[in-house]
Amino acid sequence: MSDGIRFRATIELGGKTATGIPVPDEVVAALAAGRRPAVRVTVAAHTYRTTIASMGGRFMIPLSAEHRAHAGVAAGDEVEVHIE
C-alpha cells in the first residue's frame, strides 16, 4: 500500500470541541490492519500519525484542534483525506 488510500469526507463535530473524520468501512477493510489500525493521515497538506477508532459503530479518525489549525480546516469542511 505504498500509495495509500484517498477519500473525501466531511469533518464532523462530536460534542463541543471534538472533531473527527468518518472513514468508510471499505477503506478500513482495504487497510487489512485490524479494527484499530495505526495510520499516517494527510489533510490539506498537513500530515500526522493516529489510529482509526470505532466510535458508535462507525470508524473515525480523530482530528484535534492542533491538527485542525495546522491544516486550516474546521468542522463542516469537506476535505480530501490520504491515509497510509
PDB file of N, CA and C in Angstrom:
ATOM      1  N   MET A   1       0.831  -1.189   0.000  1.00  0.00           N
ATOM      2  CA  MET A   1       0.000   0.000   0.000  1.00  0.00           C
ATOM      3  C   MET A   1       0.873   1.248   0.000  1.00  0.00           C
ATOM      4  N   SER A   2       1.814   1.319  -0.911  1.00  0.00           N
ATOM      5  CA  SER A   2       2.744   2.434  -0.936  1.00  0.00           C
ATOM      6  C   SER A   2       2.073   3.757  -1.288  1.00  0.00           C
ATOM      7  N   ASP A   3       1.008   3.714  -2.094  1.00  0.00           N
ATOM      8  CA  ASP A   3       0.332   4.944  -2.476  1.00  0.00           C
ATOM      9  C   ASP A   3      -0.730   5.369  -1.477  1.00  0.00           C
ATOM     10  N   GLY A   4      -1.079   4.499  -0.568  1.00  0.00           N
ATOM     11  CA  GLY A   4      -2.099   4.813   0.409  1.00  0.00           C
ATOM     12  C   GLY A   4      -3.485   4.808  -0.207  1.00  0.00           C
ATOM     13  N   ILE A   5      -4.430   5.342   0.521  1.00  0.00           N
ATOM     14  CA  ILE A   5      -5.828   5.388   0.100  1.00  0.00           C
ATOM     15  C   ILE A   5      -6.312   6.816   0.256  1.00  0.00           C
ATOM     16  N   ARG A   6      -7.031   7.294  -0.753  1.00  0.00           N
ATOM     17  CA  ARG A   6      -7.614   8.642  -0.699  1.00  0.00           C
ATOM     18  C   ARG A   6      -9.134   8.536  -0.712  1.00  0.00           C
ATOM     19  N   PHE A   7      -9.768   9.442   0.047  1.00  0.00           N
ATOM     20  CA  PHE A   7     -11.229   9.537   0.021  1.00  0.00           C
ATOM     21  C   PHE A   7     -11.621  10.935   0.472  1.00  0.00           C
ATOM     22  N   ARG A   8     -12.851  11.326   0.169  1.00  0.00           N
ATOM     23  CA  ARG A   8     -13.367  12.622   0.602  1.00  0.00           C
ATOM     24  C   ARG A   8     -14.328  12.393   1.760  1.00  0.00           C
ATOM     25  N   ALA A   9     -14.319  13.325   2.710  1.00  0.00           N
ATOM     26  CA  ALA A   9     -15.203  13.218   3.868  1.00  0.00           C
ATOM     27  C   ALA A   9     -15.445  14.609   4.435  1.00  0.00           C
ATOM     28  N   THR A  10     -16.504  14.727   5.209  1.00  0.00           N
ATOM     29  CA  THR A  10     -16.813  15.978   5.897  1.00  0.00           C
ATOM     30  C   THR A  10     -16.394  15.846   7.354  1.00  0.00           C
ATOM     31  N   ILE A  11     -15.644  16.819   7.845  1.00  0.00           N
ATOM     32  CA  ILE A  11     -15.195  16.825   9.237  1.00  0.00           C
ATOM     33  C   ILE A  11     -16.417  17.012  10.124  1.00  0.00           C
ATOM     34  N   GLU A  12     -16.579  16.113  11.099  1.00  0.00           N
ATOM     35  CA  GLU A  12     -17.757  16.140  11.965  1.00  0.00           C
ATOM     36  C   GLU A  12     -17.407  16.632  13.359  1.00  0.00           C
ATOM     37  N   LEU A  13     -18.322  17.401  13.924  1.00  0.00           N
ATOM     38  CA  LEU A  13     -18.190  17.869  15.302  1.00  0.00           C
ATOM     39  C   LEU A  13     -18.891  16.863  16.206  1.00  0.00           C
ATOM     40  N   GLY A  14     -18.182  16.383  17.221  1.00  0.00           N
ATOM     41  CA  GLY A  14     -18.767  15.447  18.178  1.00  0.00           C
ATOM     42  C   GLY A  14     -18.651  16.044  19.561  1.00  0.00           C
ATOM     43  N   GLY A  15     -19.720  16.561  20.105  1.00  0.00           N
ATOM     44  CA  GLY A  15     -19.638  17.270  21.379  1.00  0.00           C
ATOM     45  C   GLY A  15     -19.352  18.738  21.121  1.00  0.00           C
ATOM     46  N   LYS A  16     -18.728  19.405  22.085  1.00  0.00           N
ATOM     47  CA  LYS A  16     -18.492  20.841  21.948  1.00  0.00           C
ATOM     48  C   LYS A  16     -17.281  21.168  21.095  1.00  0.00           C
ATOM     49  N   THR A  17     -16.202  20.391  21.237  1.00  0.00           N
ATOM     50  CA  THR A  17     -14.977  20.747  20.515  1.00  0.00           C
ATOM     51  C   THR A  17     -14.339  19.591  19.766  1.00  0.00           C
ATOM     52  N   ALA A  18     -14.667  18.368  20.124  1.00  0.00           N
ATOM     53  CA  ALA A  18     -14.020  17.213  19.487  1.00  0.00           C
ATOM     54  C   ALA A  18     -14.486  17.075  18.041  1.00  0.00           C
ATOM     55  N   THR A  19     -13.542  16.842  17.148  1.00  0.00           N
ATOM     56  CA  THR A  19     -13.896  16.618  15.749  1.00  0.00           C
ATOM     57  C   THR A  19     -13.252  15.331  15.269  1.00  0.00           C
ATOM     58  N   GLY A  20     -13.840  14.790  14.218  1.00  0.00           N
ATOM     59  CA  GLY A  20     -13.307  13.576  13.626  1.00  0.00           C
ATOM     60  C   GLY A  20     -13.700  13.489  12.168  1.00  0.00           C
ATOM     61  N   ILE A  21     -13.022  12.601  11.471  1.00  0.00           N
ATOM     62  CA  ILE A  21     -13.283  12.360  10.063  1.00  0.00           C
ATOM     63  C   ILE A  21     -13.832  10.950   9.935  1.00  0.00           C
ATOM     64  N   PRO A  22     -15.065  10.798   9.424  1.00  0.00           N
ATOM     65  CA  PRO A  22     -15.603   9.456   9.246  1.00  0.00           C
ATOM     66  C   PRO A  22     -14.846   8.714   8.156  1.00  0.00           C
ATOM     67  N   VAL A  23     -14.568   7.433   8.397  1.00  0.00           N
ATOM     68  CA  VAL A  23     -13.824   6.607   7.445  1.00  0.00           C
ATOM     69  C   VAL A  23     -14.759   5.516   6.929  1.00  0.00           C
ATOM     70  N   PRO A  24     -14.945   5.439   5.610  1.00  0.00           N
ATOM     71  CA  PRO A  24     -15.816   4.381   5.067  1.00  0.00           C
ATOM     72  C   PRO A  24     -15.313   2.994   5.457  1.00  0.00           C
ATOM     73  N   ASP A  25     -16.255   2.084   5.714  1.00  0.00           N
ATOM     74  CA  ASP A  25     -15.907   0.712   6.100  1.00  0.00           C
ATOM     75  C   ASP A  25     -14.966   0.064   5.096  1.00  0.00           C
ATOM     76  N   GLU A  26     -15.193   0.311   3.803  1.00  0.00           N
ATOM     77  CA  GLU A  26     -14.357  -0.320   2.778  1.00  0.00           C
ATOM     78  C   GLU A  26     -12.904   0.168   2.833  1.00  0.00           C
ATOM     79  N   VAL A  27     -12.684   1.406   3.308  1.00  0.00           N
ATOM     80  CA  VAL A  27     -11.321   1.914   3.463  1.00  0.00           C
ATOM     81  C   VAL A  27     -10.620   1.164   4.592  1.00  0.00           C
ATOM     82  N   VAL A  28     -11.306   0.977   5.720  1.00  0.00           N
ATOM     83  CA  VAL A  28     -10.724   0.234   6.849  1.00  0.00           C
ATOM     84  C   VAL A  28     -10.429  -1.202   6.414  1.00  0.00           C
ATOM     85  N   ALA A  29     -11.362  -1.811   5.681  1.00  0.00           N
ATOM     86  CA  ALA A  29     -11.158  -3.181   5.209  1.00  0.00           C
ATOM     87  C   ALA A  29      -9.959  -3.263   4.273  1.00  0.00           C
ATOM     88  N   ALA A  30      -9.778  -2.258   3.417  1.00  0.00           N
ATOM     89  CA  ALA A  30      -8.662  -2.261   2.467  1.00  0.00           C
ATOM     90  C   ALA A  30      -7.313  -2.145   3.168  1.00  0.00           C
ATOM     91  N   LEU A  31      -7.301  -1.524   4.348  1.00  0.00           N
ATOM     92  CA  LEU A  31      -6.048  -1.409   5.107  1.00  0.00           C
ATOM     93  C   LEU A  31      -5.601  -2.768   5.625  1.00  0.00           C
ATOM     94  N   ALA A  32      -6.549  -3.680   5.840  1.00  0.00           N
ATOM     95  CA  ALA A  32      -6.255  -5.038   6.327  1.00  0.00           C
ATOM     96  C   ALA A  32      -5.330  -5.004   7.545  1.00  0.00           C
ATOM     97  N   ALA A  33      -5.644  -4.117   8.483  1.00  0.00           N
ATOM     98  CA  ALA A  33      -4.787  -3.950   9.658  1.00  0.00           C
ATOM     99  C   ALA A  33      -5.574  -4.037  10.960  1.00  0.00           C
ATOM    100  N   GLY A  34      -6.717  -4.714  10.939  1.00  0.00           N
ATOM    101  CA  GLY A  34      -7.493  -4.865  12.161  1.00  0.00           C
ATOM    102  C   GLY A  34      -8.498  -3.750  12.338  1.00  0.00           C
ATOM    103  N   ARG A  35      -9.092  -3.702  13.540  1.00  0.00           N
ATOM    104  CA  ARG A  35     -10.166  -2.746  13.800  1.00  0.00           C
ATOM    105  C   ARG A  35      -9.682  -1.420  14.361  1.00  0.00           C
ATOM    106  N   ARG A  36      -8.411  -1.286  14.650  1.00  0.00           N
ATOM    107  CA  ARG A  36      -7.859  -0.018  15.146  1.00  0.00           C
ATOM    108  C   ARG A  36      -6.486   0.212  14.512  1.00  0.00           C
ATOM    109  N   PRO A  37      -6.462   0.354  13.185  1.00  0.00           N
ATOM    110  CA  PRO A  37      -5.174   0.470  12.504  1.00  0.00           C
ATOM    111  C   PRO A  37      -4.464   1.796  12.773  1.00  0.00           C
ATOM    112  N   ALA A  38      -3.155   1.704  12.937  1.00  0.00           N
ATOM    113  CA  ALA A  38      -2.324   2.905  13.036  1.00  0.00           C
ATOM    114  C   ALA A  38      -2.108   3.415  11.614  1.00  0.00           C
ATOM    115  N   VAL A  39      -2.295   4.722  11.422  1.00  0.00           N
ATOM    116  CA  VAL A  39      -2.188   5.299  10.086  1.00  0.00           C
ATOM    117  C   VAL A  39      -1.442   6.625  10.122  1.00  0.00           C
ATOM    118  N   ARG A  40      -0.990   7.017   8.951  1.00  0.00           N
ATOM    119  CA  ARG A  40      -0.467   8.370   8.746  1.00  0.00           C
ATOM    120  C   ARG A  40      -1.517   9.069   7.896  1.00  0.00           C
ATOM    121  N   VAL A  41      -2.045  10.173   8.392  1.00  0.00           N
ATOM    122  CA  VAL A  41      -3.154  10.885   7.759  1.00  0.00           C
ATOM    123  C   VAL A  41      -2.653  12.215   7.207  1.00  0.00           C
ATOM    124  N   THR A  42      -3.069  12.539   5.985  1.00  0.00           N
ATOM    125  CA  THR A  42      -2.780  13.856   5.428  1.00  0.00           C
ATOM    126  C   THR A  42      -4.102  14.531   5.089  1.00  0.00           C
ATOM    127  N   VAL A  43      -4.283  15.730   5.646  1.00  0.00           N
ATOM    128  CA  VAL A  43      -5.453  16.568   5.387  1.00  0.00           C
ATOM    129  C   VAL A  43      -4.917  17.953   5.045  1.00  0.00           C
ATOM    130  N   ALA A  44      -5.232  18.450   3.858  1.00  0.00           N
ATOM    131  CA  ALA A  44      -4.823  19.802   3.441  1.00  0.00           C
ATOM    132  C   ALA A  44      -3.320  20.036   3.633  1.00  0.00           C
ATOM    133  N   ALA A  45      -2.513  19.120   3.180  1.00  0.00           N
ATOM    134  CA  ALA A  45      -1.042  19.201   3.226  1.00  0.00           C
ATOM    135  C   ALA A  45      -0.458  19.064   4.634  1.00  0.00           C
ATOM    136  N   HIS A  46      -1.288  18.790   5.637  1.00  0.00           N
ATOM    137  CA  HIS A  46      -0.788  18.545   6.997  1.00  0.00           C
ATOM    138  C   HIS A  46      -0.875  17.045   7.269  1.00  0.00           C
ATOM    139  N   THR A  47       0.242  16.454   7.709  1.00  0.00           N
ATOM    140  CA  THR A  47       0.309  15.013   7.956  1.00  0.00           C
ATOM    141  C   THR A  47       0.566  14.753   9.434  1.00  0.00           C
ATOM    142  N   TYR A  48      -0.134  13.775   9.986  1.00  0.00           N
ATOM    143  CA  TYR A  48       0.080  13.367  11.376  1.00  0.00           C
ATOM    144  C   TYR A  48      -0.222  11.885  11.526  1.00  0.00           C
ATOM    145  N   ARG A  49       0.252  11.299  12.616  1.00  0.00           N
ATOM    146  CA  ARG A  49       0.016   9.876  12.899  1.00  0.00           C
ATOM    147  C   ARG A  49      -1.093   9.744  13.937  1.00  0.00           C
ATOM    148  N   THR A  50      -1.926   8.728  13.741  1.00  0.00           N
ATOM    149  CA  THR A  50      -3.025   8.467  14.678  1.00  0.00           C
ATOM    150  C   THR A  50      -3.509   7.045  14.464  1.00  0.00           C
ATOM    151  N   THR A  51      -4.579   6.681  15.128  1.00  0.00           N
ATOM    152  CA  THR A  51      -5.215   5.390  14.872  1.00  0.00           C
ATOM    153  C   THR A  51      -6.671   5.641  14.511  1.00  0.00           C
ATOM    154  N   ILE A  52      -7.196   4.791  13.656  1.00  0.00           N
ATOM    155  CA  ILE A  52      -8.619   4.855  13.317  1.00  0.00           C
ATOM    156  C   ILE A  52      -9.358   4.148  14.447  1.00  0.00           C
ATOM    157  N   ALA A  53     -10.372   4.810  14.984  1.00  0.00           N
ATOM    158  CA  ALA A  53     -11.115   4.253  16.115  1.00  0.00           C
ATOM    159  C   ALA A  53     -12.558   3.975  15.709  1.00  0.00           C
ATOM    160  N   SER A  54     -13.148   2.999  16.370  1.00  0.00           N
ATOM    161  CA  SER A  54     -14.563   2.718  16.170  1.00  0.00           C
ATOM    162  C   SER A  54     -15.327   3.473  17.243  1.00  0.00           C
ATOM    163  N   MET A  55     -16.200   4.391  16.815  1.00  0.00           N
ATOM    164  CA  MET A  55     -16.981   5.197  17.754  1.00  0.00           C
ATOM    165  C   MET A  55     -18.443   5.120  17.358  1.00  0.00           C
ATOM    166  N   GLY A  56     -19.261   4.575  18.229  1.00  0.00           N
ATOM    167  CA  GLY A  56     -20.684   4.478  17.935  1.00  0.00           C
ATOM    168  C   GLY A  56     -20.984   3.631  16.710  1.00  0.00           C
ATOM    169  N   GLY A  57     -20.168   2.611  16.481  1.00  0.00           N
ATOM    170  CA  GLY A  57     -20.390   1.731  15.339  1.00  0.00           C
ATOM    171  C   GLY A  57     -19.847   2.246  14.028  1.00  0.00           C
ATOM    172  N   ARG A  58     -19.152   3.381  14.053  1.00  0.00           N
ATOM    173  CA  ARG A  58     -18.549   3.963  12.841  1.00  0.00           C
ATOM    174  C   ARG A  58     -17.052   4.111  13.052  1.00  0.00           C
ATOM    175  N   PHE A  59     -16.307   4.071  11.970  1.00  0.00           N
ATOM    176  CA  PHE A  59     -14.864   4.298  12.047  1.00  0.00           C
ATOM    177  C   PHE A  59     -14.596   5.789  11.889  1.00  0.00           C
ATOM    178  N   MET A  60     -13.741   6.313  12.772  1.00  0.00           N
ATOM    179  CA  MET A  60     -13.423   7.742  12.753  1.00  0.00           C
ATOM    180  C   MET A  60     -11.922   7.957  12.925  1.00  0.00           C
ATOM    181  N   ILE A  61     -11.431   9.014  12.296  1.00  0.00           N
ATOM    182  CA  ILE A  61     -10.063   9.494  12.518  1.00  0.00           C
ATOM    183  C   ILE A  61     -10.188  10.733  13.399  1.00  0.00           C
ATOM    184  N   PRO A  62      -9.577  10.726  14.591  1.00  0.00           N
ATOM    185  CA  PRO A  62      -9.643  11.917  15.431  1.00  0.00           C
ATOM    186  C   PRO A  62      -8.869  13.071  14.795  1.00  0.00           C
ATOM    187  N   LEU A  63      -9.405  14.289  14.951  1.00  0.00           N
ATOM    188  CA  LEU A  63      -8.770  15.483  14.385  1.00  0.00           C
ATOM    189  C   LEU A  63      -8.774  16.561  15.463  1.00  0.00           C
ATOM    190  N   SER A  64      -7.653  16.685  16.171  1.00  0.00           N
ATOM    191  CA  SER A  64      -7.551  17.612  17.303  1.00  0.00           C
ATOM    192  C   SER A  64      -7.539  19.066  16.832  1.00  0.00           C
ATOM    193  N   ALA A  65      -7.757  19.966  17.776  1.00  0.00           N
ATOM    194  CA  ALA A  65      -7.716  21.401  17.481  1.00  0.00           C
ATOM    195  C   ALA A  65      -6.362  21.782  16.885  1.00  0.00           C
ATOM    196  N   GLU A  66      -5.288  21.203  17.411  1.00  0.00           N
ATOM    197  CA  GLU A  66      -3.944  21.495  16.902  1.00  0.00           C
ATOM    198  C   GLU A  66      -3.820  21.082  15.434  1.00  0.00           C
ATOM    199  N   HIS A  67      -4.286  19.873  15.105  1.00  0.00           N
ATOM    200  CA  HIS A  67      -4.200  19.406  13.717  1.00  0.00           C
ATOM    201  C   HIS A  67      -5.129  20.204  12.801  1.00  0.00           C
ATOM    202  N   ARG A  68      -6.310  20.594  13.300  1.00  0.00           N
ATOM    203  CA  ARG A  68      -7.213  21.440  12.501  1.00  0.00           C
ATOM    204  C   ARG A  68      -6.539  22.764  12.187  1.00  0.00           C
ATOM    205  N   ALA A  69      -5.873  23.353  13.173  1.00  0.00           N
ATOM    206  CA  ALA A  69      -5.199  24.643  12.970  1.00  0.00           C
ATOM    207  C   ALA A  69      -4.076  24.519  11.932  1.00  0.00           C
ATOM    208  N   HIS A  70      -3.272  23.464  12.039  1.00  0.00           N
ATOM    209  CA  HIS A  70      -2.176  23.266  11.086  1.00  0.00           C
ATOM    210  C   HIS A  70      -2.700  23.037   9.670  1.00  0.00           C
ATOM    211  N   ALA A  71      -3.835  22.343   9.558  1.00  0.00           N
ATOM    212  CA  ALA A  71      -4.405  22.029   8.246  1.00  0.00           C
ATOM    213  C   ALA A  71      -5.280  23.166   7.714  1.00  0.00           C
ATOM    214  N   GLY A  72      -5.676  24.085   8.598  1.00  0.00           N
ATOM    215  CA  GLY A  72      -6.543  25.186   8.188  1.00  0.00           C
ATOM    216  C   GLY A  72      -7.958  24.730   7.860  1.00  0.00           C
ATOM    217  N   VAL A  73      -8.466  23.773   8.632  1.00  0.00           N
ATOM    218  CA  VAL A  73      -9.806  23.234   8.399  1.00  0.00           C
ATOM    219  C   VAL A  73     -10.643  23.336   9.665  1.00  0.00           C
ATOM    220  N   ALA A  74     -11.957  23.144   9.507  1.00  0.00           N
ATOM    221  CA  ALA A  74     -12.875  23.227  10.640  1.00  0.00           C
ATOM    222  C   ALA A  74     -13.993  22.214  10.460  1.00  0.00           C
ATOM    223  N   ALA A  75     -14.744  21.980  11.538  1.00  0.00           N
ATOM    224  CA  ALA A  75     -15.906  21.094  11.466  1.00  0.00           C
ATOM    225  C   ALA A  75     -16.836  21.594  10.371  1.00  0.00           C
ATOM    226  N   GLY A  76     -17.358  20.659   9.586  1.00  0.00           N
ATOM    227  CA  GLY A  76     -18.246  21.009   8.484  1.00  0.00           C
ATOM    228  C   GLY A  76     -17.547  21.117   7.147  1.00  0.00           C
ATOM    229  N   ASP A  77     -16.218  21.231   7.155  1.00  0.00           N
ATOM    230  CA  ASP A  77     -15.456  21.310   5.905  1.00  0.00           C
ATOM    231  C   ASP A  77     -15.393  19.942   5.243  1.00  0.00           C
ATOM    232  N   GLU A  78     -15.546  19.902   3.922  1.00  0.00           N
ATOM    233  CA  GLU A  78     -15.325  18.685   3.170  1.00  0.00           C
ATOM    234  C   GLU A  78     -13.858  18.689   2.765  1.00  0.00           C
ATOM    235  N   VAL A  79     -13.174  17.592   3.031  1.00  0.00           N
ATOM    236  CA  VAL A  79     -11.726  17.525   2.778  1.00  0.00           C
ATOM    237  C   VAL A  79     -11.365  16.243   2.039  1.00  0.00           C
ATOM    238  N   GLU A  80     -10.240  16.284   1.350  1.00  0.00           N
ATOM    239  CA  GLU A  80      -9.678  15.056   0.796  1.00  0.00           C
ATOM    240  C   GLU A  80      -8.726  14.507   1.847  1.00  0.00           C
ATOM    241  N   VAL A  81      -8.856  13.231   2.123  1.00  0.00           N
ATOM    242  CA  VAL A  81      -8.061  12.568   3.154  1.00  0.00           C
ATOM    243  C   VAL A  81      -7.181  11.530   2.471  1.00  0.00           C
ATOM    244  N   HIS A  82      -5.912  11.493   2.847  1.00  0.00           N
ATOM    245  CA  HIS A  82      -4.981  10.480   2.347  1.00  0.00           C
ATOM    246  C   HIS A  82      -4.458   9.741   3.560  1.00  0.00           C
ATOM    247  N   ILE A  83      -4.626   8.419   3.572  1.00  0.00           N
ATOM    248  CA  ILE A  83      -4.105   7.627   4.689  1.00  0.00           C
ATOM    249  C   ILE A  83      -3.165   6.548   4.188  1.00  0.00           C
ATOM    250  N   GLU A  84      -2.162   6.262   4.985  1.00  0.00           N
ATOM    251  CA  GLU A  84      -1.217   5.180   4.681  1.00  0.00           C
ATOM    252  C   GLU A  84      -0.955   4.409   5.959  1.00  0.00           C
TER     253      GLU A  84
END
